[in-house]
Amino acid sequence: MSQICVDGIHLRAYHGCLDEEGRIGGEYVVNVLLDVDFSTAAASDNLHETVDYVHVYNIVKEEMAIRSKLIEHVAQRILNRLKQKFPQVTNTMVHVVKLRPPMNGNVEAVSVKVSG
C-alpha cells in the first residue's frame, strides 16, 4: 500500500478548556497520513485518480476553525471528514499537535493521534 502524507499544517486555533484559550488562541500543527493505492494516478499523472492535497488541507483548516475543548475531539472530526471525502483511502491517521500548551510547567507540545 502507498501513503500520502500532508505534514506540518500550521494553524492558529482556539481549542482548550480554559476561557483564555478561546480568546487568545494557540499554535497548532496537524499531520495527516493516508493509506491509498495511487498506482493508477502515478501511471496516468491524473489528479482525479488520487487524493488532492488541497482538499486535505481545507478539511483540516475548516475543522481546526471550530472551537473545541479537547484536541481529541478536533482530531476525530478531521478523521471523520477525511474518511467521508476520500472513500478510496483504506486507513487515515491524524496527528494534532498543540504547541506550548498553557500548563504549569515548561512543555513544548502535547499531541494526539487518531486513526481509522
N, C-alpha and C. Protein backbone atom coordinates (compact mmCIF):
# COMPACT_ATOMS: atom_id res chain seq x y z
N MET A 1 0.85 -1.18 0.00
CA MET A 1 0.00 0.00 0.00
C MET A 1 0.89 1.24 0.00
N SER A 2 0.44 2.23 -0.67
CA SER A 2 1.14 3.51 -0.74
C SER A 2 0.56 4.47 0.28
N GLN A 3 1.32 5.50 0.58
CA GLN A 3 0.86 6.50 1.54
C GLN A 3 1.06 7.91 0.99
N ILE A 4 0.12 8.76 1.33
CA ILE A 4 0.24 10.18 1.07
C ILE A 4 0.29 10.87 2.43
N CYS A 5 1.28 11.72 2.61
CA CYS A 5 1.46 12.45 3.86
C CYS A 5 1.33 13.94 3.59
N VAL A 6 0.50 14.58 4.38
CA VAL A 6 0.41 16.04 4.35
C VAL A 6 0.86 16.47 5.74
N ASP A 7 2.10 16.93 5.83
CA ASP A 7 2.73 17.21 7.12
C ASP A 7 2.95 18.70 7.35
N GLY A 8 2.88 19.06 8.61
CA GLY A 8 3.24 20.42 9.00
C GLY A 8 2.22 21.47 8.61
N ILE A 9 0.95 21.16 8.76
CA ILE A 9 -0.09 22.17 8.52
C ILE A 9 -0.14 23.05 9.76
N HIS A 10 0.39 24.25 9.66
CA HIS A 10 0.47 25.18 10.79
C HIS A 10 -0.75 26.09 10.79
N LEU A 11 -1.45 26.11 11.93
CA LEU A 11 -2.66 26.92 12.04
C LEU A 11 -2.75 27.53 13.43
N ARG A 12 -3.41 28.66 13.51
CA ARG A 12 -3.78 29.24 14.79
C ARG A 12 -5.22 28.82 15.05
N ALA A 13 -5.48 28.33 16.27
CA ALA A 13 -6.82 27.86 16.60
C ALA A 13 -7.10 28.19 18.06
N TYR A 14 -8.33 27.95 18.47
CA TYR A 14 -8.82 28.41 19.77
C TYR A 14 -9.39 27.27 20.61
N HIS A 15 -8.66 26.16 20.64
CA HIS A 15 -9.11 24.99 21.39
C HIS A 15 -8.55 25.02 22.81
N GLY A 16 -9.30 24.42 23.71
CA GLY A 16 -8.83 24.29 25.08
C GLY A 16 -9.95 24.47 26.08
N CYS A 17 -9.70 24.00 27.28
CA CYS A 17 -10.70 24.09 28.35
C CYS A 17 -10.71 25.45 29.03
N LEU A 18 -9.63 26.20 28.91
CA LEU A 18 -9.55 27.50 29.56
C LEU A 18 -10.22 28.57 28.70
N ASP A 19 -10.92 29.50 29.36
CA ASP A 19 -11.55 30.61 28.63
C ASP A 19 -10.52 31.42 27.85
N GLU A 20 -9.33 31.59 28.42
CA GLU A 20 -8.28 32.36 27.77
C GLU A 20 -7.88 31.75 26.43
N GLU A 21 -7.90 30.43 26.35
CA GLU A 21 -7.54 29.77 25.10
C GLU A 21 -8.54 30.10 24.00
N GLY A 22 -9.79 30.31 24.39
CA GLY A 22 -10.81 30.69 23.44
C GLY A 22 -10.66 32.11 22.94
N ARG A 23 -10.06 32.95 23.76
CA ARG A 23 -9.85 34.36 23.36
C ARG A 23 -8.50 34.58 22.69
N ILE A 24 -7.46 34.00 23.25
CA ILE A 24 -6.09 34.24 22.77
C ILE A 24 -5.70 33.27 21.66
N GLY A 25 -6.12 32.02 21.79
CA GLY A 25 -5.75 31.01 20.81
C GLY A 25 -4.36 30.47 21.04
N GLY A 26 -3.98 29.59 20.17
CA GLY A 26 -2.66 28.97 20.25
C GLY A 26 -2.23 28.44 18.90
N GLU A 27 -0.98 28.00 18.86
CA GLU A 27 -0.40 27.49 17.62
C GLU A 27 -0.52 25.97 17.59
N TYR A 28 -0.90 25.45 16.43
CA TYR A 28 -1.09 24.02 16.24
C TYR A 28 -0.41 23.57 14.95
N VAL A 29 -0.04 22.30 14.95
CA VAL A 29 0.49 21.67 13.74
C VAL A 29 -0.31 20.38 13.56
N VAL A 30 -0.78 20.15 12.34
CA VAL A 30 -1.54 18.94 12.04
C VAL A 30 -0.81 18.18 10.94
N ASN A 31 -0.68 16.87 11.15
CA ASN A 31 -0.09 15.97 10.16
C ASN A 31 -1.13 14.92 9.80
N VAL A 32 -1.21 14.61 8.52
CA VAL A 32 -2.19 13.64 8.04
C VAL A 32 -1.47 12.58 7.21
N LEU A 33 -1.78 11.32 7.47
CA LEU A 33 -1.22 10.20 6.72
C LEU A 33 -2.38 9.40 6.15
N LEU A 34 -2.36 9.18 4.85
CA LEU A 34 -3.44 8.47 4.17
C LEU A 34 -2.88 7.24 3.46
N ASP A 35 -3.40 6.07 3.79
CA ASP A 35 -3.05 4.84 3.07
C ASP A 35 -3.98 4.74 1.87
N VAL A 36 -3.40 4.80 0.70
CA VAL A 36 -4.22 4.78 -0.51
C VAL A 36 -3.40 4.22 -1.68
N ASP A 37 -4.04 3.47 -2.50
CA ASP A 37 -3.39 2.94 -3.70
C ASP A 37 -3.44 4.02 -4.77
N PHE A 38 -2.30 4.67 -5.00
CA PHE A 38 -2.28 5.71 -6.03
C PHE A 38 -1.51 5.26 -7.28
N SER A 39 -1.42 3.96 -7.50
CA SER A 39 -0.67 3.44 -8.64
C SER A 39 -1.27 3.89 -9.98
N THR A 40 -2.59 3.97 -10.07
CA THR A 40 -3.22 4.43 -11.31
C THR A 40 -2.85 5.88 -11.58
N ALA A 41 -2.92 6.72 -10.55
CA ALA A 41 -2.55 8.13 -10.70
C ALA A 41 -1.07 8.28 -11.03
N ALA A 42 -0.25 7.45 -10.42
CA ALA A 42 1.19 7.53 -10.69
C ALA A 42 1.49 7.20 -12.16
N ALA A 43 0.73 6.28 -12.73
CA ALA A 43 0.93 5.91 -14.13
C ALA A 43 0.31 6.93 -15.09
N SER A 44 -0.85 7.48 -14.70
CA SER A 44 -1.58 8.35 -15.62
C SER A 44 -1.25 9.83 -15.47
N ASP A 45 -0.70 10.21 -14.31
CA ASP A 45 -0.42 11.61 -14.00
C ASP A 45 -1.71 12.43 -13.95
N ASN A 46 -2.79 11.80 -13.46
CA ASN A 46 -4.11 12.43 -13.41
C ASN A 46 -4.50 12.68 -11.95
N LEU A 47 -4.66 13.94 -11.59
CA LEU A 47 -5.01 14.33 -10.22
C LEU A 47 -6.31 13.70 -9.75
N HIS A 48 -7.25 13.49 -10.64
CA HIS A 48 -8.56 12.95 -10.27
C HIS A 48 -8.51 11.48 -9.86
N GLU A 49 -7.37 10.85 -10.00
CA GLU A 49 -7.23 9.45 -9.63
C GLU A 49 -6.45 9.26 -8.34
N THR A 50 -6.31 10.35 -7.59
CA THR A 50 -5.60 10.28 -6.31
C THR A 50 -6.27 11.24 -5.33
N VAL A 51 -5.66 11.42 -4.19
CA VAL A 51 -6.15 12.34 -3.17
C VAL A 51 -5.54 13.71 -3.42
N ASP A 52 -6.37 14.70 -3.56
CA ASP A 52 -5.91 16.08 -3.79
C ASP A 52 -5.51 16.69 -2.44
N TYR A 53 -4.25 17.05 -2.31
CA TYR A 53 -3.72 17.60 -1.05
C TYR A 53 -4.45 18.87 -0.63
N VAL A 54 -4.91 19.64 -1.60
CA VAL A 54 -5.61 20.89 -1.30
C VAL A 54 -6.90 20.58 -0.52
N HIS A 55 -7.59 19.51 -0.89
CA HIS A 55 -8.81 19.13 -0.17
C HIS A 55 -8.48 18.69 1.25
N VAL A 56 -7.37 17.97 1.42
CA VAL A 56 -6.94 17.56 2.76
C VAL A 56 -6.69 18.79 3.61
N TYR A 57 -5.93 19.74 3.07
CA TYR A 57 -5.62 20.97 3.80
C TYR A 57 -6.90 21.73 4.17
N ASN A 58 -7.81 21.85 3.24
CA ASN A 58 -9.04 22.60 3.50
C ASN A 58 -9.90 21.95 4.58
N ILE A 59 -9.97 20.64 4.59
CA ILE A 59 -10.72 19.94 5.64
C ILE A 59 -10.08 20.20 6.99
N VAL A 60 -8.77 20.09 7.07
CA VAL A 60 -8.07 20.35 8.33
C VAL A 60 -8.32 21.78 8.78
N LYS A 61 -8.17 22.72 7.88
CA LYS A 61 -8.36 24.14 8.21
C LYS A 61 -9.78 24.41 8.71
N GLU A 62 -10.78 23.86 8.04
CA GLU A 62 -12.18 24.08 8.44
C GLU A 62 -12.47 23.50 9.81
N GLU A 63 -12.00 22.29 10.07
CA GLU A 63 -12.27 21.66 11.36
C GLU A 63 -11.48 22.32 12.49
N MET A 64 -10.28 22.77 12.21
CA MET A 64 -9.49 23.46 13.23
C MET A 64 -10.10 24.81 13.59
N ALA A 65 -10.91 25.37 12.71
CA ALA A 65 -11.55 26.67 12.96
C ALA A 65 -12.75 26.55 13.90
N ILE A 66 -13.23 25.33 14.13
CA ILE A 66 -14.37 25.12 15.02
C ILE A 66 -13.84 24.85 16.43
N ARG A 67 -14.12 25.76 17.34
CA ARG A 67 -13.59 25.65 18.70
C ARG A 67 -14.07 24.39 19.40
N SER A 68 -13.13 23.73 20.07
CA SER A 68 -13.42 22.56 20.89
C SER A 68 -12.61 22.65 22.16
N LYS A 69 -13.08 22.01 23.20
CA LYS A 69 -12.32 21.97 24.44
C LYS A 69 -11.12 21.02 24.32
N LEU A 70 -11.32 19.92 23.59
CA LEU A 70 -10.29 18.89 23.52
C LEU A 70 -9.75 18.71 22.11
N ILE A 71 -8.43 18.59 22.00
CA ILE A 71 -7.86 18.32 20.68
C ILE A 71 -8.20 16.90 20.23
N GLU A 72 -8.54 16.04 21.16
CA GLU A 72 -9.01 14.70 20.81
C GLU A 72 -10.27 14.78 19.95
N HIS A 73 -11.14 15.69 20.32
CA HIS A 73 -12.40 15.89 19.59
C HIS A 73 -12.12 16.45 18.19
N VAL A 74 -11.22 17.40 18.11
CA VAL A 74 -10.87 18.01 16.82
C VAL A 74 -10.26 16.95 15.90
N ALA A 75 -9.33 16.17 16.42
CA ALA A 75 -8.67 15.13 15.62
C ALA A 75 -9.69 14.13 15.07
N GLN A 76 -10.65 13.74 15.90
CA GLN A 76 -11.67 12.78 15.45
C GLN A 76 -12.56 13.39 14.37
N ARG A 77 -12.90 14.66 14.51
CA ARG A 77 -13.71 15.33 13.48
C ARG A 77 -12.96 15.37 12.15
N ILE A 78 -11.67 15.70 12.20
CA ILE A 78 -10.86 15.73 10.98
C ILE A 78 -10.83 14.35 10.34
N LEU A 79 -10.58 13.33 11.14
CA LEU A 79 -10.54 11.95 10.64
C LEU A 79 -11.86 11.59 9.97
N ASN A 80 -12.97 11.89 10.62
CA ASN A 80 -14.28 11.56 10.06
C ASN A 80 -14.52 12.24 8.73
N ARG A 81 -14.16 13.51 8.64
CA ARG A 81 -14.35 14.25 7.37
C ARG A 81 -13.48 13.68 6.26
N LEU A 82 -12.22 13.35 6.57
CA LEU A 82 -11.33 12.80 5.56
C LEU A 82 -11.84 11.45 5.05
N LYS A 83 -12.32 10.61 5.96
CA LYS A 83 -12.85 9.30 5.56
C LYS A 83 -14.09 9.46 4.68
N GLN A 84 -14.90 10.46 4.98
CA GLN A 84 -16.10 10.72 4.19
C GLN A 84 -15.73 11.23 2.79
N LYS A 85 -14.77 12.13 2.73
CA LYS A 85 -14.38 12.75 1.46
C LYS A 85 -13.62 11.79 0.55
N PHE A 86 -12.81 10.92 1.15
CA PHE A 86 -11.94 10.04 0.37
C PHE A 86 -12.22 8.56 0.70
N PRO A 87 -13.30 7.99 0.18
CA PRO A 87 -13.63 6.59 0.50
C PRO A 87 -12.59 5.59 -0.03
N GLN A 88 -11.76 6.01 -0.99
CA GLN A 88 -10.74 5.12 -1.53
C GLN A 88 -9.56 4.93 -0.57
N VAL A 89 -9.49 5.73 0.47
CA VAL A 89 -8.40 5.63 1.45
C VAL A 89 -8.73 4.49 2.41
N THR A 90 -7.78 3.58 2.61
CA THR A 90 -8.03 2.40 3.45
C THR A 90 -7.77 2.67 4.93
N ASN A 91 -6.89 3.59 5.23
CA ASN A 91 -6.63 3.96 6.62
C ASN A 91 -6.14 5.41 6.64
N THR A 92 -6.52 6.11 7.69
CA THR A 92 -6.14 7.50 7.85
C THR A 92 -5.61 7.70 9.26
N MET A 93 -4.56 8.50 9.39
CA MET A 93 -4.04 8.86 10.70
C MET A 93 -3.97 10.39 10.75
N VAL A 94 -4.50 10.96 11.83
CA VAL A 94 -4.46 12.40 12.04
C VAL A 94 -3.71 12.66 13.34
N HIS A 95 -2.73 13.53 13.27
CA HIS A 95 -1.89 13.88 14.42
C HIS A 95 -2.03 15.39 14.64
N VAL A 96 -2.64 15.76 15.76
CA VAL A 96 -2.83 17.18 16.10
C VAL A 96 -1.87 17.52 17.24
N VAL A 97 -1.04 18.53 17.01
CA VAL A 97 -0.04 18.95 17.97
C VAL A 97 -0.38 20.36 18.45
N LYS A 98 -0.49 20.51 19.75
CA LYS A 98 -0.73 21.82 20.36
C LYS A 98 0.61 22.31 20.91
N LEU A 99 1.14 23.37 20.31
CA LEU A 99 2.44 23.90 20.71
C LEU A 99 2.31 24.79 21.96
N ARG A 100 3.27 24.68 22.84
CA ARG A 100 3.35 25.49 24.05
C ARG A 100 2.01 25.58 24.78
N PRO A 101 1.47 24.45 25.23
CA PRO A 101 0.18 24.47 25.92
C PRO A 101 0.28 25.22 27.25
N PRO A 102 -0.81 25.87 27.66
CA PRO A 102 -0.78 26.62 28.91
C PRO A 102 -0.85 25.67 30.11
N MET A 103 0.32 25.26 30.54
CA MET A 103 0.41 24.34 31.67
C MET A 103 1.36 24.95 32.70
N ASN A 104 1.28 24.47 33.89
CA ASN A 104 2.18 24.96 34.94
C ASN A 104 3.50 24.21 34.83
N GLY A 105 4.22 24.47 33.75
CA GLY A 105 5.50 23.81 33.50
C GLY A 105 5.99 24.14 32.10
N ASN A 106 7.21 23.76 31.84
CA ASN A 106 7.83 24.02 30.55
C ASN A 106 7.58 22.82 29.64
N VAL A 107 6.51 22.89 28.85
CA VAL A 107 6.13 21.80 27.95
C VAL A 107 6.11 22.34 26.53
N GLU A 108 6.88 21.73 25.66
CA GLU A 108 6.97 22.18 24.27
C GLU A 108 5.68 21.93 23.49
N ALA A 109 5.07 20.76 23.71
CA ALA A 109 3.87 20.42 22.95
C ALA A 109 3.15 19.24 23.59
N VAL A 110 1.86 19.17 23.29
CA VAL A 110 1.07 17.97 23.59
C VAL A 110 0.40 17.59 22.27
N SER A 111 0.13 16.31 22.10
CA SER A 111 -0.46 15.90 20.83
C SER A 111 -1.32 14.66 21.01
N VAL A 112 -2.18 14.47 20.03
CA VAL A 112 -2.99 13.26 19.96
C VAL A 112 -2.92 12.71 18.53
N LYS A 113 -3.06 11.40 18.44
CA LYS A 113 -3.12 10.73 17.14
C LYS A 113 -4.36 9.85 17.13
N VAL A 114 -5.12 9.93 16.06
CA VAL A 114 -6.25 9.04 15.86
C VAL A 114 -6.11 8.41 14.49
N SER A 115 -6.60 7.20 14.36
CA SER A 115 -6.54 6.54 13.06
C SER A 115 -7.76 5.66 12.88
N GLY A 116 -8.01 5.36 11.65
CA GLY A 116 -9.14 4.50 11.34
C GLY A 116 -9.39 4.44 9.87
